[in-house]
Each structure stands twice: as C-alpha cells, then as structure tokens.
Amino acid sequence: MKLHIDTKTEGDRLLTVLAALANPHRMRVVAALAGGGRRYISQLAREIGVSRPLLHLHLQKLQDAGLVTSQLELSKDGKALNYFEVTEFAFRLTPAAIAEAAKTLTVKPET
C-alpha cells in the first residue's frame, strides 16, 4: 500500500479547491450531495443529468480537492456501488485571507 502525504500548502490547496468549484457541473454535484446526502454514481448522474463517465471525471476533481469522499459498497444482490458524499468544508475568502494564502504558494508565476 502506498502512503499518500498531502504536501500542498494553504495557497496551493485554495487554488485546487477554487479550480474544482469553478465548474457548474461540479457545483451541482456538491449542492446535490449537500442537500440530499450520499449517493451512488448512477443515482447522482440521473439527478444531475450528466453521463456517468462525465460525472466520474467531475467527482475525481472534487475528490482530489478534498471536497467529496467515496466508499465502495456491495448491494444485497452483490452489485458494487460507489457512494459519494460531500465533506464538511468552509473557506472564508477575504482580501486578507487571499494575501496570506498567496504567501504560501509553491506554484511559480508564468514568466
């Protein structure tokens, strides 16, 4: 088993979160999960109105940002269902908070 250590700084994490939320489909995913609890991917795809492969890509972005988690479970008939749920998160975006986060960025500005 490979151990994953998150080495992102506060500024890098903020960029990852903002990038993950900068898409209407992903915002709808978070809203659906926040409003109705955990769902398996097929159920969520029908609710949001996107294909399962597209939803999977969006869920991966949200999961990489730490905004959703998933858990694989077996149904009574032996079918594997991947359930997703939103994680608790809160970000207060103020000019001062952004200035502090910017000090910790490891992403190099383009030259």
C-alpha atoms as a PDB file:
ATOM      1  CA  MET A   1       0.000   0.000   0.000  1.00  0.00           C
ATOM      2  CA  LYS A   2       1.370   3.384  -0.974  1.00  0.00           C
ATOM      3  CA  LEU A   3       1.133   6.138   1.622  1.00  0.00           C
ATOM      4  CA  HIS A   4      -0.139   9.421   0.237  1.00  0.00           C
ATOM      5  CA  ILE A   5       1.045  12.536   2.052  1.00  0.00           C
ATOM      6  CA  ASP A   6      -0.577  15.832   1.147  1.00  0.00           C
ATOM      7  CA  THR A   7       2.250  18.318   0.840  1.00  0.00           C
ATOM      8  CA  LYS A   8       0.174  21.148  -0.565  1.00  0.00           C
ATOM      9  CA  THR A   9       0.456  24.476   1.147  1.00  0.00           C
ATOM     10  CA  GLU A  10      -2.521  26.555   2.157  1.00  0.00           C
ATOM     11  CA  GLY A  11      -2.277  28.645  -1.006  1.00  0.00           C
ATOM     12  CA  ASP A  12      -1.976  25.629  -3.298  1.00  0.00           C
ATOM     13  CA  ARG A  13      -4.918  23.930  -1.562  1.00  0.00           C
ATOM     14  CA  LEU A  14      -7.045  27.049  -2.006  1.00  0.00           C
ATOM     15  CA  LEU A  15      -6.234  27.089  -5.735  1.00  0.00           C
ATOM     16  CA  THR A  16      -7.153  23.404  -6.038  1.00  0.00           C
ATOM     17  CA  VAL A  17     -10.477  23.951  -4.272  1.00  0.00           C
ATOM     18  CA  LEU A  18     -11.355  27.037  -6.300  1.00  0.00           C
ATOM     19  CA  ALA A  19     -10.462  25.258  -9.556  1.00  0.00           C
ATOM     20  CA  ALA A  20     -12.604  22.272  -8.551  1.00  0.00           C
ATOM     21  CA  LEU A  21     -15.593  24.514  -7.828  1.00  0.00           C
ATOM     22  CA  ALA A  22     -15.131  26.636 -10.967  1.00  0.00           C
ATOM     23  CA  ASN A  23     -17.433  24.398 -12.993  1.00  0.00           C
ATOM     24  CA  PRO A  24     -21.237  24.380 -12.989  1.00  0.00           C
ATOM     25  CA  HIS A  25     -21.476  20.562 -13.029  1.00  0.00           C
ATOM     26  CA  ARG A  26     -19.211  20.259 -10.008  1.00  0.00           C
ATOM     27  CA  MET A  27     -21.144  22.945  -8.157  1.00  0.00           C
ATOM     28  CA  ARG A  28     -24.340  20.974  -8.871  1.00  0.00           C
ATOM     29  CA  VAL A  29     -22.694  17.789  -7.561  1.00  0.00           C
ATOM     30  CA  VAL A  30     -21.748  19.484  -4.288  1.00  0.00           C
ATOM     31  CA  ALA A  31     -25.229  21.005  -3.996  1.00  0.00           C
ATOM     32  CA  ALA A  32     -26.938  17.653  -4.624  1.00  0.00           C
ATOM     33  CA  LEU A  33     -24.768  15.834  -2.105  1.00  0.00           C
ATOM     34  CA  ALA A  34     -25.105  18.607   0.476  1.00  0.00           C
ATOM     35  CA  GLY A  35     -28.867  18.690   0.101  1.00  0.00           C
ATOM     36  CA  GLY A  36     -29.626  15.009  -0.083  1.00  0.00           C
ATOM     37  CA  GLY A  37     -26.794  13.053   1.478  1.00  0.00           C
ATOM     38  CA  ARG A  38     -24.644  10.390  -0.064  1.00  0.00           C
ATOM     39  CA  ARG A  39     -25.471   8.904  -3.450  1.00  0.00           C
ATOM     40  CA  TYR A  40     -24.078   6.254  -5.738  1.00  0.00           C
ATOM     41  CA  ILE A  41     -22.767   7.410  -9.089  1.00  0.00           C
ATOM     42  CA  SER A  42     -25.683   6.222 -11.282  1.00  0.00           C
ATOM     43  CA  GLN A  43     -28.237   7.838  -8.992  1.00  0.00           C
ATOM     44  CA  LEU A  44     -26.293  11.103  -8.923  1.00  0.00           C
ATOM     45  CA  ALA A  45     -25.791  11.088 -12.718  1.00  0.00           C
ATOM     46  CA  ARG A  46     -29.548  10.769 -13.281  1.00  0.00           C
ATOM     47  CA  GLU A  47     -30.300  13.502 -10.778  1.00  0.00           C
ATOM     48  CA  ILE A  48     -27.836  15.975 -12.247  1.00  0.00           C
ATOM     49  CA  GLY A  49     -28.470  14.994 -15.861  1.00  0.00           C
ATOM     50  CA  VAL A  50     -24.960  14.039 -16.971  1.00  0.00           C
ATOM     51  CA  SER A  51     -23.432  10.795 -18.177  1.00  0.00           C
ATOM     52  CA  ARG A  52     -21.729   8.527 -15.669  1.00  0.00           C
ATOM     53  CA  PRO A  53     -18.293   8.852 -17.350  1.00  0.00           C
ATOM     54  CA  LEU A  54     -18.524  12.651 -17.295  1.00  0.00           C
ATOM     55  CA  LEU A  55     -19.749  12.622 -13.701  1.00  0.00           C
ATOM     56  CA  HIS A  56     -16.881  10.339 -12.747  1.00  0.00           C
ATOM     57  CA  LEU A  57     -14.376  12.912 -14.077  1.00  0.00           C
ATOM     58  CA  HIS A  58     -16.061  15.699 -12.125  1.00  0.00           C
ATOM     59  CA  LEU A  59     -16.198  13.612  -8.957  1.00  0.00           C
ATOM     60  CA  GLN A  60     -12.493  12.838  -9.301  1.00  0.00           C
ATOM     61  CA  LYS A  61     -11.697  16.577  -9.427  1.00  0.00           C
ATOM     62  CA  LEU A  62     -13.836  17.172  -6.340  1.00  0.00           C
ATOM     63  CA  GLN A  63     -12.268  14.225  -4.555  1.00  0.00           C
ATOM     64  CA  ASP A  64      -8.733  15.412  -5.421  1.00  0.00           C
ATOM     65  CA  ALA A  65      -9.645  18.769  -3.854  1.00  0.00           C
ATOM     66  CA  GLY A  66     -10.916  17.043  -0.717  1.00  0.00           C
ATOM     67  CA  LEU A  67     -14.491  18.216  -1.206  1.00  0.00           C
ATOM     68  CA  VAL A  68     -16.101  14.781  -1.590  1.00  0.00           C
ATOM     69  CA  THR A  69     -15.241  11.272  -0.454  1.00  0.00           C
ATOM     70  CA  SER A  70     -16.263   7.908  -1.831  1.00  0.00           C
ATOM     71  CA  GLN A  71     -16.874   4.474  -0.428  1.00  0.00           C
ATOM     72  CA  LEU A  72     -17.349   1.287  -2.415  1.00  0.00           C
ATOM     73  CA  GLU A  73     -20.075  -0.987  -1.028  1.00  0.00           C
ATOM     74  CA  LEU A  74     -21.776  -4.171  -2.161  1.00  0.00           C
ATOM     75  CA  SER A  75     -25.542  -4.196  -2.560  1.00  0.00           C
ATOM     76  CA  LYS A  76     -27.656  -7.128  -1.366  1.00  0.00           C
ATOM     77  CA  ASP A  77     -27.529  -8.618  -4.867  1.00  0.00           C
ATOM     78  CA  GLY A  78     -23.715  -8.390  -4.968  1.00  0.00           C
ATOM     79  CA  LYS A  79     -23.502  -5.308  -7.182  1.00  0.00           C
ATOM     80  CA  ALA A  80     -20.656  -2.884  -6.388  1.00  0.00           C
ATOM     81  CA  LEU A  81     -21.920   0.635  -5.712  1.00  0.00           C
ATOM     82  CA  ASN A  82     -19.588   3.581  -5.290  1.00  0.00           C
ATOM     83  CA  TYR A  83     -21.209   6.035  -2.867  1.00  0.00           C
ATOM     84  CA  PHE A  84     -20.111   9.663  -2.749  1.00  0.00           C
ATOM     85  CA  GLU A  85     -20.709  12.235  -0.056  1.00  0.00           C
ATOM     86  CA  VAL A  86     -19.675  15.812   0.474  1.00  0.00           C
ATOM     87  CA  THR A  87     -17.105  16.577   3.162  1.00  0.00           C
ATOM     88  CA  GLU A  88     -17.523  19.407   5.623  1.00  0.00           C
ATOM     89  CA  PHE A  89     -15.569  22.405   4.408  1.00  0.00           C
ATOM     90  CA  ALA A  90     -15.593  26.156   4.833  1.00  0.00           C
ATOM     91  CA  PHE A  91     -13.430  28.804   3.241  1.00  0.00           C
ATOM     92  CA  ARG A  92     -13.674  32.466   4.082  1.00  0.00           C
ATOM     93  CA  LEU A  93     -12.467  34.460   1.113  1.00  0.00           C
ATOM     94  CA  THR A  94     -11.397  37.948   2.008  1.00  0.00           C
ATOM     95  CA  PRO A  95      -8.627  40.042   0.503  1.00  0.00           C
ATOM     96  CA  ALA A  96      -6.560  39.437   3.640  1.00  0.00           C
ATOM     97  CA  ALA A  97      -7.112  35.648   3.519  1.00  0.00           C
ATOM     98  CA  ILE A  98      -6.084  35.564  -0.141  1.00  0.00           C
ATOM     99  CA  ALA A  99      -2.982  37.675   0.615  1.00  0.00           C
ATOM    100  CA  GLU A 100      -1.959  35.219   3.351  1.00  0.00           C
ATOM    101  CA  ALA A 101      -2.594  32.195   1.131  1.00  0.00           C
ATOM    102  CA  ALA A 102      -0.618  33.792  -1.708  1.00  0.00           C
ATOM    103  CA  LYS A 103       2.472  33.914   0.523  1.00  0.00           C
ATOM    104  CA  THR A 104       2.492  30.102   0.708  1.00  0.00           C
ATOM    105  CA  LEU A 105       2.052  29.341  -2.998  1.00  0.00           C
ATOM    106  CA  THR A 106       4.516  26.882  -4.475  1.00  0.00           C
ATOM    107  CA  VAL A 107       3.129  27.393  -7.957  1.00  0.00           C
ATOM    108  CA  LYS A 108       5.561  29.578  -9.841  1.00  0.00           C
ATOM    109  CA  PRO A 109       4.149  32.540 -11.742  1.00  0.00           C
ATOM    110  CA  GLU A 110       4.434  32.337 -15.508  1.00  0.00           C
ATOM    111  CA  THR A 111       7.233  34.421 -16.944  1.00  0.00           C
END
